């Protein structure tokens, strides 16, 4: 349904999520709010998260401020570069409309 890529920007984590069609993007943009992202990834609950919509790319971008503390070299997180954040999100189960699923 969606791809994701994440990484570090200093002490902040950057998370991009995209899909392949306008219909899927409309669902993604309506469903994946900052609040829903924090529900799916509870470790983000305490952090300020900004969401940016990129409709021409069928994508959303999230910036999680301060997740990595003072940056990669100073982070005690198991994933200090936030490289796994996108896959953590993709591993969560959500209900999708049947119309968005690929044909059998």
PDB file of N, CA and C in Angstrom:
ATOM      1  N   UNK A   1       0.819  -1.192   0.000  1.00  0.00           N
ATOM      2  CA  UNK A   1       0.000   0.000   0.000  1.00  0.00           C
ATOM      3  C   UNK A   1       0.866   1.260   0.000  1.00  0.00           C
ATOM      4  N   UNK A   2       1.914   1.253   0.837  1.00  0.00           N
ATOM      5  CA  UNK A   2       2.736   2.458   0.958  1.00  0.00           C
ATOM      6  C   UNK A   2       4.183   2.081   1.182  1.00  0.00           C
ATOM      7  N   UNK A   3       5.064   2.946   0.701  1.00  0.00           N
ATOM      8  CA  UNK A   3       6.478   2.815   0.979  1.00  0.00           C
ATOM      9  C   UNK A   3       6.859   3.820   2.049  1.00  0.00           C
ATOM     10  N   UNK A   4       8.001   3.628   2.654  1.00  0.00           N
ATOM     11  CA  UNK A   4       8.472   4.555   3.678  1.00  0.00           C
ATOM     12  C   UNK A   4       9.989   4.564   3.697  1.00  0.00           C
ATOM     13  N   UNK A   5      10.520   5.714   4.029  1.00  0.00           N
ATOM     14  CA  UNK A   5      11.964   5.862   4.197  1.00  0.00           C
ATOM     15  C   UNK A   5      12.173   6.863   5.319  1.00  0.00           C
ATOM     16  N   UNK A   6      13.128   6.590   6.158  1.00  0.00           N
ATOM     17  CA  UNK A   6      13.364   7.472   7.293  1.00  0.00           C
ATOM     18  C   UNK A   6      14.852   7.636   7.534  1.00  0.00           C
ATOM     19  N   UNK A   7      15.179   8.652   8.308  1.00  0.00           N
ATOM     20  CA  UNK A   7      16.571   8.909   8.633  1.00  0.00           C
ATOM     21  C   UNK A   7      16.694  10.080   9.573  1.00  0.00           C
ATOM     22  N   UNK A   8      17.926  10.502   9.778  1.00  0.00           N
ATOM     23  CA  UNK A   8      18.198  11.569  10.749  1.00  0.00           C
ATOM     24  C   UNK A   8      18.500  12.878  10.045  1.00  0.00           C
ATOM     25  N   UNK A   9      18.122  13.935  10.701  1.00  0.00           N
ATOM     26  CA  UNK A   9      18.468  15.310  10.319  1.00  0.00           C
ATOM     27  C   UNK A   9      18.920  15.983  11.609  1.00  0.00           C
ATOM     28  N   UNK A  10      20.169  15.762  11.986  1.00  0.00           N
ATOM     29  CA  UNK A  10      20.653  16.260  13.284  1.00  0.00           C
ATOM     30  C   UNK A  10      19.954  15.486  14.385  1.00  0.00           C
ATOM     31  N   UNK A  11      19.325  16.179  15.297  1.00  0.00           N
ATOM     32  CA  UNK A  11      18.588  15.544  16.386  1.00  0.00           C
ATOM     33  C   UNK A  11      17.170  15.173  16.017  1.00  0.00           C
ATOM     34  N   UNK A  12      16.763  15.498  14.806  1.00  0.00           N
ATOM     35  CA  UNK A  12      15.400  15.227  14.360  1.00  0.00           C
ATOM     36  C   UNK A  12      15.360  13.988  13.473  1.00  0.00           C
ATOM     37  N   UNK A  13      14.219  13.326  13.478  1.00  0.00           N
ATOM     38  CA  UNK A  13      14.004  12.203  12.569  1.00  0.00           C
ATOM     39  C   UNK A  13      13.106  12.675  11.438  1.00  0.00           C
ATOM     40  N   UNK A  14      13.372  12.175  10.261  1.00  0.00           N
ATOM     41  CA  UNK A  14      12.607  12.504   9.072  1.00  0.00           C
ATOM     42  C   UNK A  14      11.974  11.206   8.578  1.00  0.00           C
ATOM     43  N   UNK A  15      10.655  11.230   8.322  1.00  0.00           N
ATOM     44  CA  UNK A  15       9.938  10.036   7.890  1.00  0.00           C
ATOM     45  C   UNK A  15       9.083  10.379   6.682  1.00  0.00           C
ATOM     46  N   UNK A  16       9.396   9.782   5.556  1.00  0.00           N
ATOM     47  CA  UNK A  16       8.620   9.967   4.339  1.00  0.00           C
ATOM     48  C   UNK A  16       7.782   8.741   4.069  1.00  0.00           C
ATOM     49  N   UNK A  17       6.514   8.953   3.687  1.00  0.00           N
ATOM     50  CA  UNK A  17       5.595   7.868   3.370  1.00  0.00           C
ATOM     51  C   UNK A  17       4.948   8.217   2.039  1.00  0.00           C
ATOM     52  N   UNK A  18       4.930   7.259   1.104  1.00  0.00           N
ATOM     53  CA  UNK A  18       4.352   7.549  -0.202  1.00  0.00           C
ATOM     54  C   UNK A  18       3.553   6.352  -0.695  1.00  0.00           C
ATOM     55  N   UNK A  19       2.747   6.606  -1.695  1.00  0.00           N
ATOM     56  CA  UNK A  19       1.957   5.563  -2.320  1.00  0.00           C
ATOM     57  C   UNK A  19       1.933   5.784  -3.830  1.00  0.00           C
ATOM     58  N   UNK A  20       1.220   4.952  -4.540  1.00  0.00           N
ATOM     59  CA  UNK A  20       1.364   4.946  -5.993  1.00  0.00           C
ATOM     60  C   UNK A  20       0.246   5.597  -6.785  1.00  0.00           C
ATOM     61  N   UNK A  21      -0.909   5.826  -6.175  1.00  0.00           N
ATOM     62  CA  UNK A  21      -2.030   6.390  -6.936  1.00  0.00           C
ATOM     63  C   UNK A  21      -2.663   7.553  -6.176  1.00  0.00           C
ATOM     64  N   UNK A  22      -3.374   8.377  -6.888  1.00  0.00           N
ATOM     65  CA  UNK A  22      -4.085   9.478  -6.260  1.00  0.00           C
ATOM     66  C   UNK A  22      -5.126   9.000  -5.261  1.00  0.00           C
ATOM     67  N   UNK A  23      -5.812   7.896  -5.586  1.00  0.00           N
ATOM     68  CA  UNK A  23      -6.817   7.346  -4.682  1.00  0.00           C
ATOM     69  C   UNK A  23      -6.167   6.884  -3.370  1.00  0.00           C
ATOM     70  N   UNK A  24      -5.057   6.190  -3.490  1.00  0.00           N
ATOM     71  CA  UNK A  24      -4.355   5.743  -2.281  1.00  0.00           C
ATOM     72  C   UNK A  24      -3.796   6.925  -1.497  1.00  0.00           C
ATOM     73  N   UNK A  25      -3.298   7.936  -2.199  1.00  0.00           N
ATOM     74  CA  UNK A  25      -2.787   9.117  -1.499  1.00  0.00           C
ATOM     75  C   UNK A  25      -3.910   9.825  -0.745  1.00  0.00           C
ATOM     76  N   UNK A  26      -5.085   9.937  -1.362  1.00  0.00           N
ATOM     77  CA  UNK A  26      -6.210  10.588  -0.677  1.00  0.00           C
ATOM     78  C   UNK A  26      -6.522   9.877   0.627  1.00  0.00           C
ATOM     79  N   UNK A  27      -6.508   8.537   0.599  1.00  0.00           N
ATOM     80  CA  UNK A  27      -6.738   7.787   1.827  1.00  0.00           C
ATOM     81  C   UNK A  27      -5.601   8.023   2.817  1.00  0.00           C
ATOM     82  N   UNK A  28      -4.359   7.934   2.342  1.00  0.00           N
ATOM     83  CA  UNK A  28      -3.198   8.108   3.213  1.00  0.00           C
ATOM     84  C   UNK A  28      -3.208   9.478   3.879  1.00  0.00           C
ATOM     85  N   UNK A  29      -3.445  10.518   3.102  1.00  0.00           N
ATOM     86  CA  UNK A  29      -3.436  11.883   3.646  1.00  0.00           C
ATOM     87  C   UNK A  29      -4.555  12.085   4.662  1.00  0.00           C
ATOM     88  N   UNK A  30      -5.693  11.445   4.439  1.00  0.00           N
ATOM     89  CA  UNK A  30      -6.794  11.563   5.386  1.00  0.00           C
ATOM     90  C   UNK A  30      -6.599  10.721   6.629  1.00  0.00           C
ATOM     91  N   UNK A  31      -5.904   9.611   6.483  1.00  0.00           N
ATOM     92  CA  UNK A  31      -5.742   8.672   7.587  1.00  0.00           C
ATOM     93  C   UNK A  31      -4.507   8.948   8.450  1.00  0.00           C
ATOM     94  N   UNK A  32      -3.385   9.217   7.816  1.00  0.00           N
ATOM     95  CA  UNK A  32      -2.123   9.316   8.560  1.00  0.00           C
ATOM     96  C   UNK A  32      -1.869  10.748   9.027  1.00  0.00           C
ATOM     97  N   UNK A  33      -2.626  11.136  10.024  1.00  0.00           N
ATOM     98  CA  UNK A  33      -2.439  12.435  10.671  1.00  0.00           C
ATOM     99  C   UNK A  33      -1.296  12.319  11.669  1.00  0.00           C
ATOM    100  N   UNK A  34      -0.905  13.435  12.237  1.00  0.00           N
ATOM    101  CA  UNK A  34       0.125  13.403  13.289  1.00  0.00           C
ATOM    102  C   UNK A  34      -0.365  12.569  14.465  1.00  0.00           C
ATOM    103  N   UNK A  35      -1.627  12.746  14.832  1.00  0.00           N
ATOM    104  CA  UNK A  35      -2.183  11.975  15.946  1.00  0.00           C
ATOM    105  C   UNK A  35      -2.175  10.484  15.677  1.00  0.00           C
ATOM    106  N   UNK A  36      -2.543  10.093  14.466  1.00  0.00           N
ATOM    107  CA  UNK A  36      -2.557   8.669  14.107  1.00  0.00           C
ATOM    108  C   UNK A  36      -1.130   8.112  14.063  1.00  0.00           C
ATOM    109  N   UNK A  37      -0.184   8.898  13.560  1.00  0.00           N
ATOM    110  CA  UNK A  37       1.210   8.470  13.561  1.00  0.00           C
ATOM    111  C   UNK A  37       1.678   8.191  14.985  1.00  0.00           C
ATOM    112  N   UNK A  38       1.322   9.054  15.910  1.00  0.00           N
ATOM    113  CA  UNK A  38       1.709   8.864  17.309  1.00  0.00           C
ATOM    114  C   UNK A  38       1.007   7.663  17.931  1.00  0.00           C
ATOM    115  N   UNK A  39      -0.224   7.361  17.477  1.00  0.00           N
ATOM    116  CA  UNK A  39      -0.902   6.146  17.950  1.00  0.00           C
ATOM    117  C   UNK A  39      -0.176   4.901  17.444  1.00  0.00           C
ATOM    118  N   UNK A  40       0.236   4.924  16.178  1.00  0.00           N
ATOM    119  CA  UNK A  40       0.904   3.778  15.581  1.00  0.00           C
ATOM    120  C   UNK A  40       2.332   3.594  16.095  1.00  0.00           C
ATOM    121  N   UNK A  41       2.998   4.700  16.413  1.00  0.00           N
ATOM    122  CA  UNK A  41       4.367   4.671  16.941  1.00  0.00           C
ATOM    123  C   UNK A  41       4.387   5.429  18.270  1.00  0.00           C
ATOM    124  N   UNK A  42       3.942   4.787  19.346  1.00  0.00           N
ATOM    125  CA  UNK A  42       3.793   5.474  20.638  1.00  0.00           C
ATOM    126  C   UNK A  42       5.059   6.148  21.163  1.00  0.00           C
ATOM    127  N   UNK A  43       6.232   5.698  20.733  1.00  0.00           N
ATOM    128  CA  UNK A  43       7.480   6.325  21.186  1.00  0.00           C
ATOM    129  C   UNK A  43       7.575   7.782  20.740  1.00  0.00           C
ATOM    130  N   UNK A  44       6.757   8.176  19.764  1.00  0.00           N
ATOM    131  CA  UNK A  44       6.777   9.554  19.263  1.00  0.00           C
ATOM    132  C   UNK A  44       5.848  10.485  20.040  1.00  0.00           C
ATOM    133  N   UNK A  45       5.047   9.938  20.939  1.00  0.00           N
ATOM    134  CA  UNK A  45       3.996  10.704  21.618  1.00  0.00           C
ATOM    135  C   UNK A  45       4.504  11.975  22.296  1.00  0.00           C
ATOM    136  N   UNK A  46       5.676  11.949  22.859  1.00  0.00           N
ATOM    137  CA  UNK A  46       6.180  13.096  23.617  1.00  0.00           C
ATOM    138  C   UNK A  46       6.828  14.167  22.737  1.00  0.00           C
ATOM    139  N   UNK A  47       6.957  13.898  21.455  1.00  0.00           N
ATOM    140  CA  UNK A  47       7.714  14.800  20.582  1.00  0.00           C
ATOM    141  C   UNK A  47       6.798  15.628  19.681  1.00  0.00           C
ATOM    142  N   UNK A  48       7.284  16.801  19.333  1.00  0.00           N
ATOM    143  CA  UNK A  48       6.594  17.625  18.338  1.00  0.00           C
ATOM    144  C   UNK A  48       6.829  16.997  16.967  1.00  0.00           C
ATOM    145  N   UNK A  49       5.747  16.821  16.236  1.00  0.00           N
ATOM    146  CA  UNK A  49       5.824  16.243  14.899  1.00  0.00           C
ATOM    147  C   UNK A  49       5.151  17.208  13.927  1.00  0.00           C
ATOM    148  N   UNK A  50       5.861  17.572  12.876  1.00  0.00           N
ATOM    149  CA  UNK A  50       5.297  18.386  11.798  1.00  0.00           C
ATOM    150  C   UNK A  50       5.031  17.486  10.608  1.00  0.00           C
ATOM    151  N   UNK A  51       3.888  17.691   9.949  1.00  0.00           N
ATOM    152  CA  UNK A  51       3.525  16.905   8.767  1.00  0.00           C
ATOM    153  C   UNK A  51       3.478  17.818   7.552  1.00  0.00           C
ATOM    154  N   UNK A  52       4.060  17.357   6.473  1.00  0.00           N
ATOM    155  CA  UNK A  52       4.060  18.100   5.210  1.00  0.00           C
ATOM    156  C   UNK A  52       3.427  17.228   4.136  1.00  0.00           C
ATOM    157  N   UNK A  53       2.492  17.796   3.412  1.00  0.00           N
ATOM    158  CA  UNK A  53       1.824  17.072   2.330  1.00  0.00           C
ATOM    159  C   UNK A  53       2.508  17.381   1.005  1.00  0.00           C
ATOM    160  N   UNK A  54       2.752  16.347   0.233  1.00  0.00           N
ATOM    161  CA  UNK A  54       3.380  16.457  -1.082  1.00  0.00           C
ATOM    162  C   UNK A  54       2.479  15.745  -2.098  1.00  0.00           C
ATOM    163  N   UNK A  55       1.317  16.334  -2.405  1.00  0.00           N
ATOM    164  CA  UNK A  55       0.337  15.633  -3.243  1.00  0.00           C
ATOM    165  C   UNK A  55       0.823  15.318  -4.651  1.00  0.00           C
ATOM    166  N   UNK A  56       1.692  16.126  -5.211  1.00  0.00           N
ATOM    167  CA  UNK A  56       2.200  15.827  -6.555  1.00  0.00           C
ATOM    168  C   UNK A  56       3.088  14.583  -6.575  1.00  0.00           C
ATOM    169  N   UNK A  57       3.567  14.193  -5.399  1.00  0.00           N
ATOM    170  CA  UNK A  57       4.387  12.988  -5.272  1.00  0.00           C
ATOM    171  C   UNK A  57       3.625  11.845  -4.603  1.00  0.00           C
ATOM    172  N   UNK A  58       2.347  12.074  -4.277  1.00  0.00           N
ATOM    173  CA  UNK A  58       1.547  11.097  -3.516  1.00  0.00           C
ATOM    174  C   UNK A  58       2.249  10.740  -2.206  1.00  0.00           C
ATOM    175  N   UNK A  59       2.781  11.758  -1.520  1.00  0.00           N
ATOM    176  CA  UNK A  59       3.618  11.502  -0.350  1.00  0.00           C
ATOM    177  C   UNK A  59       3.318  12.440   0.808  1.00  0.00           C
ATOM    178  N   UNK A  60       3.667  11.974   1.982  1.00  0.00           N
ATOM    179  CA  UNK A  60       3.651  12.772   3.207  1.00  0.00           C
ATOM    180  C   UNK A  60       5.062  12.733   3.783  1.00  0.00           C
ATOM    181  N   UNK A  61       5.466  13.810   4.435  1.00  0.00           N
ATOM    182  CA  UNK A  61       6.748  13.843   5.126  1.00  0.00           C
ATOM    183  C   UNK A  61       6.503  14.303   6.550  1.00  0.00           C
ATOM    184  N   UNK A  62       7.089  13.602   7.502  1.00  0.00           N
ATOM    185  CA  UNK A  62       6.972  13.948   8.915  1.00  0.00           C
ATOM    186  C   UNK A  62       8.359  14.264   9.461  1.00  0.00           C
ATOM    187  N   UNK A  63       8.440  15.306  10.271  1.00  0.00           N
ATOM    188  CA  UNK A  63       9.670  15.633  10.983  1.00  0.00           C
ATOM    189  C   UNK A  63       9.368  15.482  12.466  1.00  0.00           C
ATOM    190  N   UNK A  64      10.115  14.610  13.125  1.00  0.00           N
ATOM    191  CA  UNK A  64       9.956  14.362  14.558  1.00  0.00           C
ATOM    192  C   UNK A  64      11.075  15.113  15.262  1.00  0.00           C
ATOM    193  N   UNK A  65      10.733  16.203  15.906  1.00  0.00           N
ATOM    194  CA  UNK A  65      11.719  17.091  16.508  1.00  0.00           C
ATOM    195  C   UNK A  65      12.260  16.516  17.814  1.00  0.00           C
ATOM    196  N   UNK A  66      13.579  16.392  17.886  1.00  0.00           N
ATOM    197  CA  UNK A  66      14.253  16.006  19.121  1.00  0.00           C
ATOM    198  C   UNK A  66      14.320  14.521  19.407  1.00  0.00           C
ATOM    199  N   UNK A  67      13.788  13.675  18.534  1.00  0.00           N
ATOM    200  CA  UNK A  67      13.781  12.237  18.799  1.00  0.00           C
ATOM    201  C   UNK A  67      15.182  11.682  19.018  1.00  0.00           C
ATOM    202  N   UNK A  68      16.159  12.234  18.326  1.00  0.00           N
ATOM    203  CA  UNK A  68      17.525  11.712  18.400  1.00  0.00           C
ATOM    204  C   UNK A  68      18.420  12.522  19.331  1.00  0.00           C
ATOM    205  N   UNK A  69      17.795  13.327  20.195  1.00  0.00           N
ATOM    206  CA  UNK A  69      18.570  14.111  21.152  1.00  0.00           C
ATOM    207  C   UNK A  69      19.486  15.095  20.462  1.00  0.00           C
ATOM    208  N   UNK A  70      20.778  15.027  20.758  1.00  0.00           N
ATOM    209  CA  UNK A  70      21.742  15.962  20.160  1.00  0.00           C
ATOM    210  C   UNK A  70      22.289  15.443  18.836  1.00  0.00           C
ATOM    211  N   UNK A  71      21.741  14.340  18.347  1.00  0.00           N
ATOM    212  CA  UNK A  71      22.184  13.813  17.060  1.00  0.00           C
ATOM    213  C   UNK A  71      22.697  12.393  17.165  1.00  0.00           C
ATOM    214  N   UNK A  72      23.075  11.845  16.031  1.00  0.00           N
ATOM    215  CA  UNK A  72      23.469  10.441  15.931  1.00  0.00           C
ATOM    216  C   UNK A  72      24.574  10.076  16.919  1.00  0.00           C
ATOM    217  N   UNK A  73      25.602  10.862  16.986  1.00  0.00           N
ATOM    218  CA  UNK A  73      26.754  10.520  17.837  1.00  0.00           C
ATOM    219  C   UNK A  73      26.404  10.543  19.319  1.00  0.00           C
ATOM    220  N   UNK A  74      25.376  11.301  19.703  1.00  0.00           N
ATOM    221  CA  UNK A  74      25.020  11.420  21.110  1.00  0.00           C
ATOM    222  C   UNK A  74      23.784  10.604  21.481  1.00  0.00           C
ATOM    223  N   UNK A  75      23.155   9.940  20.525  1.00  0.00           N
ATOM    224  CA  UNK A  75      21.902   9.241  20.783  1.00  0.00           C
ATOM    225  C   UNK A  75      22.141   7.876  21.411  1.00  0.00           C
ATOM    226  N   UNK A  76      21.344   7.558  22.420  1.00  0.00           N
ATOM    227  CA  UNK A  76      21.409   6.250  23.065  1.00  0.00           C
ATOM    228  C   UNK A  76      20.328   5.319  22.523  1.00  0.00           C
ATOM    229  N   UNK A  77      19.582   5.749  21.524  1.00  0.00           N
ATOM    230  CA  UNK A  77      18.530   4.927  20.931  1.00  0.00           C
ATOM    231  C   UNK A  77      19.127   3.704  20.227  1.00  0.00           C
ATOM    232  N   UNK A  78      18.407   2.575  20.225  1.00  0.00           N
ATOM    233  CA  UNK A  78      18.886   1.408  19.472  1.00  0.00           C
ATOM    234  C   UNK A  78      18.999   1.698  17.967  1.00  0.00           C
ATOM    235  N   UNK A  79      18.225   2.659  17.491  1.00  0.00           N
ATOM    236  CA  UNK A  79      18.239   3.058  16.074  1.00  0.00           C
ATOM    237  C   UNK A  79      18.646   4.533  16.023  1.00  0.00           C
ATOM    238  N   UNK A  80      19.908   4.858  16.276  1.00  0.00           N
ATOM    239  CA  UNK A  80      20.311   6.256  16.454  1.00  0.00           C
ATOM    240  C   UNK A  80      20.164   7.135  15.216  1.00  0.00           C
ATOM    241  N   UNK A  81      20.034   6.535  14.043  1.00  0.00           N
ATOM    242  CA  UNK A  81      19.850   7.324  12.828  1.00  0.00           C
ATOM    243  C   UNK A  81      18.405   7.312  12.349  1.00  0.00           C
ATOM    244  N   UNK A  82      17.510   6.687  13.113  1.00  0.00           N
ATOM    245  CA  UNK A  82      16.086   6.577  12.786  1.00  0.00           C
ATOM    246  C   UNK A  82      15.850   5.907  11.440  1.00  0.00           C
ATOM    247  N   UNK A  83      16.770   5.057  11.020  1.00  0.00           N
ATOM    248  CA  UNK A  83      16.633   4.374   9.729  1.00  0.00           C
ATOM    249  C   UNK A  83      15.501   3.355   9.740  1.00  0.00           C
ATOM    250  N   UNK A  84      15.168   2.794  10.896  1.00  0.00           N
ATOM    251  CA  UNK A  84      14.127   1.770  10.984  1.00  0.00           C
ATOM    252  C   UNK A  84      12.734   2.346  11.228  1.00  0.00           C
ATOM    253  N   UNK A  85      12.631   3.628  11.467  1.00  0.00           N
ATOM    254  CA  UNK A  85      11.348   4.241  11.799  1.00  0.00           C
ATOM    255  C   UNK A  85      10.294   3.988  10.717  1.00  0.00           C
ATOM    256  N   UNK A  86      10.670   4.107   9.463  1.00  0.00           N
ATOM    257  CA  UNK A  86       9.738   3.865   8.366  1.00  0.00           C
ATOM    258  C   UNK A  86       9.247   2.427   8.337  1.00  0.00           C
ATOM    259  N   UNK A  87      10.137   1.484   8.573  1.00  0.00           N
ATOM    260  CA  UNK A  87       9.730   0.079   8.573  1.00  0.00           C
ATOM    261  C   UNK A  87       8.911  -0.258   9.807  1.00  0.00           C
ATOM    262  N   UNK A  88       9.180   0.416  10.926  1.00  0.00           N
ATOM    263  CA  UNK A  88       8.336   0.230  12.111  1.00  0.00           C
ATOM    264  C   UNK A  88       6.904   0.651  11.785  1.00  0.00           C
ATOM    265  N   UNK A  89       6.761   1.765  11.097  1.00  0.00           N
ATOM    266  CA  UNK A  89       5.427   2.231  10.708  1.00  0.00           C
ATOM    267  C   UNK A  89       4.776   1.247   9.741  1.00  0.00           C
ATOM    268  N   UNK A  90       5.517   0.801   8.738  1.00  0.00           N
ATOM    269  CA  UNK A  90       4.957  -0.126   7.745  1.00  0.00           C
ATOM    270  C   UNK A  90       4.573  -1.466   8.360  1.00  0.00           C
ATOM    271  N   UNK A  91       5.158  -1.835   9.488  1.00  0.00           N
ATOM    272  CA  UNK A  91       4.839  -3.099  10.148  1.00  0.00           C
ATOM    273  C   UNK A  91       3.530  -3.041  10.930  1.00  0.00           C
ATOM    274  N   UNK A  92       2.995  -1.854  11.147  1.00  0.00           N
ATOM    275  CA  UNK A  92       1.737  -1.721  11.894  1.00  0.00           C
ATOM    276  C   UNK A  92       0.564  -2.088  10.988  1.00  0.00           C
ATOM    277  N   UNK A  93      -0.448  -2.702  11.583  1.00  0.00           N
ATOM    278  CA  UNK A  93      -1.628  -3.080  10.822  1.00  0.00           C
ATOM    279  C   UNK A  93      -2.695  -2.007  10.949  1.00  0.00           C
ATOM    280  N   UNK A  94      -3.278  -1.654   9.818  1.00  0.00           N
ATOM    281  CA  UNK A  94      -4.390  -0.706   9.774  1.00  0.00           C
ATOM    282  C   UNK A  94      -5.451  -1.283   8.848  1.00  0.00           C
ATOM    283  N   UNK A  95      -6.678  -0.840   9.028  1.00  0.00           N
ATOM    284  CA  UNK A  95      -7.750  -1.268   8.137  1.00  0.00           C
ATOM    285  C   UNK A  95      -7.723  -0.410   6.877  1.00  0.00           C
ATOM    286  N   UNK A  96      -7.775  -1.080   5.740  1.00  0.00           N
ATOM    287  CA  UNK A  96      -7.766  -0.404   4.441  1.00  0.00           C
ATOM    288  C   UNK A  96      -9.082  -0.658   3.727  1.00  0.00           C
ATOM    289  N   UNK A  97      -9.552   0.327   2.980  1.00  0.00           N
ATOM    290  CA  UNK A  97     -10.707   0.060   2.127  1.00  0.00           C
ATOM    291  C   UNK A  97     -10.334  -0.995   1.079  1.00  0.00           C
ATOM    292  N   UNK A  98     -11.235  -1.904   0.804  1.00  0.00           N
ATOM    293  CA  UNK A  98     -10.974  -2.980  -0.159  1.00  0.00           C
ATOM    294  C   UNK A  98     -10.616  -2.421  -1.529  1.00  0.00           C
ATOM    295  N   UNK A  99     -11.143  -1.250  -1.884  1.00  0.00           N
ATOM    296  CA  UNK A  99     -10.878  -0.666  -3.199  1.00  0.00           C
ATOM    297  C   UNK A  99      -9.409  -0.273  -3.395  1.00  0.00           C
ATOM    298  N   UNK A 100      -8.658  -0.170  -2.305  1.00  0.00           N
ATOM    299  CA  UNK A 100      -7.248   0.216  -2.408  1.00  0.00           C
ATOM    300  C   UNK A 100      -6.316  -0.980  -2.519  1.00  0.00           C
ATOM    301  N   UNK A 101      -6.834  -2.161  -2.275  1.00  0.00           N
ATOM    302  CA  UNK A 101      -5.996  -3.360  -2.324  1.00  0.00           C
ATOM    303  C   UNK A 101      -5.750  -3.762  -3.773  1.00  0.00           C
ATOM    304  N   UNK A 102      -4.580  -4.337  -4.043  1.00  0.00           N
ATOM    305  CA  UNK A 102      -4.298  -4.793  -5.420  1.00  0.00           C
ATOM    306  C   UNK A 102      -5.229  -5.953  -5.779  1.00  0.00           C
ATOM    307  N   UNK A 103      -5.545  -6.110  -7.055  1.00  0.00           N
ATOM    308  CA  UNK A 103      -6.382  -7.240  -7.455  1.00  0.00           C
ATOM    309  C   UNK A 103      -5.656  -8.563  -7.207  1.00  0.00           C
ATOM    310  N   UNK A 104      -6.417  -9.613  -6.979  1.00  0.00           N
ATOM    311  CA  UNK A 104      -5.807 -10.931  -6.729  1.00  0.00           C
ATOM    312  C   UNK A 104      -5.071 -11.457  -7.911  1.00  0.00           C
TER     313      UNK A 104
END
